[in-house]
Structure formats: C-alpha cells, structure tokens
Protein backbone atom coordinates (compact mmCIF):
# COMPACT_ATOMS: atom_id res chain seq x y z
CA MET A 1 -20.21 -6.96 18.20
CA ASP A 2 -20.05 -3.68 20.14
CA GLY A 3 -18.47 -1.53 17.42
CA LYS A 4 -15.01 -1.15 18.96
CA ARG A 5 -12.28 -1.00 16.35
CA ILE A 6 -8.62 -1.43 17.16
CA LYS A 7 -5.28 -0.44 15.64
CA VAL A 8 -2.77 -3.27 15.35
CA MET A 9 0.97 -3.06 14.93
CA VAL A 10 3.00 -6.00 13.63
CA VAL A 11 6.70 -5.96 14.53
CA GLU A 12 8.32 -8.74 12.52
CA ASP A 13 11.36 -9.02 10.25
CA SER A 14 10.20 -12.06 8.24
CA ALA A 15 8.24 -11.05 5.14
CA LEU A 16 6.54 -14.47 5.05
CA ILE A 17 5.30 -14.17 8.63
CA VAL A 18 4.12 -10.59 8.00
CA GLN A 19 2.18 -11.78 4.96
CA ARG A 20 0.54 -14.57 7.00
CA LEU A 21 -0.33 -12.14 9.81
CA TYR A 22 -1.87 -9.63 7.40
CA SER A 23 -3.93 -12.44 5.89
CA ILE A 24 -5.29 -13.44 9.31
CA LEU A 25 -5.82 -9.88 10.55
CA SER A 26 -7.52 -8.65 7.39
CA GLU A 27 -10.32 -11.16 8.02
CA ILE A 28 -11.11 -9.66 11.45
CA LYS A 29 -13.83 -7.03 11.01
CA PHE A 30 -13.12 -4.84 14.05
CA ILE A 31 -9.51 -4.07 13.11
CA LYS A 32 -9.31 -0.43 12.08
CA SER A 33 -5.75 -0.48 10.77
CA ILE A 34 -2.61 -2.61 10.60
CA ALA A 35 0.85 -1.06 10.68
CA HIS A 36 4.15 -2.86 10.21
CA ALA A 37 7.63 -2.31 11.59
CA LYS A 38 10.43 -4.64 10.52
CA ASN A 39 12.61 -4.11 13.60
CA GLY A 40 12.60 -2.68 17.11
CA GLU A 41 13.87 0.73 16.12
CA GLU A 42 11.07 1.18 13.59
CA ALA A 43 8.59 -0.03 16.20
CA MET A 44 9.70 2.69 18.64
CA THR A 45 9.03 5.37 16.03
CA LEU A 46 5.76 3.90 14.78
CA ILE A 47 4.18 3.35 18.19
CA LYS A 48 4.44 7.08 18.91
CA LEU A 49 2.59 7.83 15.69
CA ILE A 50 -0.26 5.34 15.86
CA ASN A 51 -0.55 4.29 19.54
CA PRO A 52 -1.89 0.79 18.76
CA GLU A 53 -4.21 -1.12 21.07
CA LEU A 54 -2.52 -4.38 20.08
CA MET A 55 1.04 -5.27 19.11
CA LEU A 56 2.15 -8.59 17.61
CA LEU A 57 5.85 -8.64 18.46
CA ASP A 58 8.63 -10.97 17.32
CA ILE A 59 11.29 -11.70 19.93
CA LYS A 60 14.34 -12.17 17.71
CA MET A 61 15.03 -9.36 15.24
CA PRO A 62 18.18 -7.58 14.10
CA GLY A 63 19.11 -4.60 16.25
CA MET A 64 16.70 -3.92 19.09
CA ASN A 65 15.01 -7.23 19.96
CA GLY A 66 11.39 -7.83 20.92
CA ILE A 67 12.12 -8.13 24.64
CA GLU A 68 13.62 -4.64 24.66
CA VAL A 69 10.61 -3.34 22.73
CA LEU A 70 8.24 -5.06 25.17
CA LYS A 71 9.95 -3.38 28.16
CA HIS A 72 9.56 0.05 26.54
CA VAL A 73 5.97 -0.52 25.43
CA LYS A 74 4.82 -1.66 28.86
CA GLN A 75 6.52 1.33 30.51
CA GLU A 76 5.30 3.99 28.08
CA TYR A 77 2.06 2.45 26.75
CA PRO A 78 0.84 0.13 29.53
CA ASP A 79 -2.63 -0.30 27.97
CA THR A 80 -1.22 -1.71 24.72
CA ARG A 81 -1.84 -5.46 24.56
CA VAL A 82 1.20 -7.42 23.41
CA VAL A 83 1.34 -10.87 21.84
CA MET A 84 4.89 -12.18 21.65
CA LEU A 85 5.73 -14.35 18.64
CA THR A 86 8.79 -16.58 18.53
CA ASN A 87 10.55 -19.51 16.97
CA TYR A 88 12.32 -19.93 20.35
CA PRO A 89 9.50 -21.08 22.63
CA ASN A 90 11.60 -22.10 25.62
CA MET A 91 10.22 -21.55 29.12
CA GLN A 92 12.90 -18.97 29.99
CA TYR A 93 11.72 -16.62 27.23
CA LYS A 94 8.07 -17.22 28.06
CA GLU A 95 8.51 -16.48 31.77
CA LEU A 96 10.56 -13.37 31.02
CA CYS A 97 8.03 -11.98 28.53
CA ILE A 98 5.00 -12.70 30.70
CA GLY A 99 6.86 -11.18 33.66
CA LEU A 100 7.49 -8.03 31.62
CA GLY A 101 3.79 -7.71 30.81
CA ALA A 102 3.20 -9.65 27.58
CA ASP A 103 -0.41 -10.79 27.33
CA HIS A 104 0.36 -13.89 25.26
CA PHE A 105 3.42 -15.85 24.15
CA LEU A 106 3.09 -17.94 20.98
CA ASP A 107 5.37 -20.36 19.15
CA LYS A 108 5.18 -19.37 15.47
CA SER A 109 5.75 -22.93 14.29
CA THR A 110 3.04 -24.65 16.38
CA GLU A 111 0.59 -22.00 17.63
CA PHE A 112 0.23 -19.62 14.69
CA ASP A 113 -3.37 -20.70 14.15
CA ARG A 114 -4.30 -19.28 17.58
CA ILE A 115 -3.55 -15.68 16.56
CA GLY A 116 -7.03 -15.01 15.17
CA GLU A 117 -8.81 -16.22 18.31
CA ILE A 118 -6.44 -14.28 20.59
CA VAL A 119 -6.91 -11.06 18.61
CA LYS A 120 -10.69 -11.54 18.68
CA GLY A 121 -10.50 -11.97 22.46
CA ILE A 122 -8.67 -8.65 22.79
CA GLN A 123 -11.62 -6.61 21.47
CA GLY A 124 -13.72 -7.00 24.59
CA ILE A 125 -10.96 -5.88 26.96
CA VAL A 126 -9.55 -2.83 25.17
CA SER A 127 -11.15 0.53 25.68
CA ILE A 128 -11.31 2.54 22.48
CA ASP A 129 -11.80 6.31 22.38
C-alpha cells in the first residue's frame, strides 16, 4: 500500500443501500472519509465542499437524477472517479453513463459485491495531494 487516502462521496436516496455501502467502504483502509448526499441537489453542494476522489452515484433519485449529476461532475471535476449504481441496468443507461465519463456502471441487485474490488482498484489511479 502506497499511503494514498481518498475521499468518497455516496449519492443515494435509499437508506438501506447507503448502510450497505458504508459497511463495505468502512472496511477499506485507504479511505480517508465518506460523505453522503441523498439527492442530486445535495450532491452539487457537497462536492464543492469536499472535492471527493471517488463518487458512488445512484441513477434514479428524486429531483436531479444521477445522469445530470454525472454530467456536471465530469465537466467541473474531471478527475473525480464515478461509479454509477442502478436498479435499471439496461444497455441504454450503461452506454449513456460510460459515454458521459462514468468509470463503472453496476447493477445494485446483481453486482453489489463488486464495489469493494472496484474501489480498491481506484487507489492506484487517483493522485492525492
């Protein structure tokens, strides 16, 4: 381990999913902090404050959806890695999100167990001040 520590932001409206994510992320030693926004509007405010290296982003949320957040993040914070999370894993959403700059696209119901390995893979490619 090279000592890099990252800030993670979870943008998710389901309390159960947030709890599961915190459980997974809290086991990863190089995570410096975990912040949570329950919708896109909160995410826009929070990202300015913490400038996370990694964002775990739900697609479908009330108000501003995850695709809108992804567009903004990749324009304003292009170095932030984004993992899209969804219960709607159709190819149209996946192609759109990857085309907009998402680093990963995961189905919450079948690929949730991959989150830990994906987050661990992020450490080596993020430059930390």
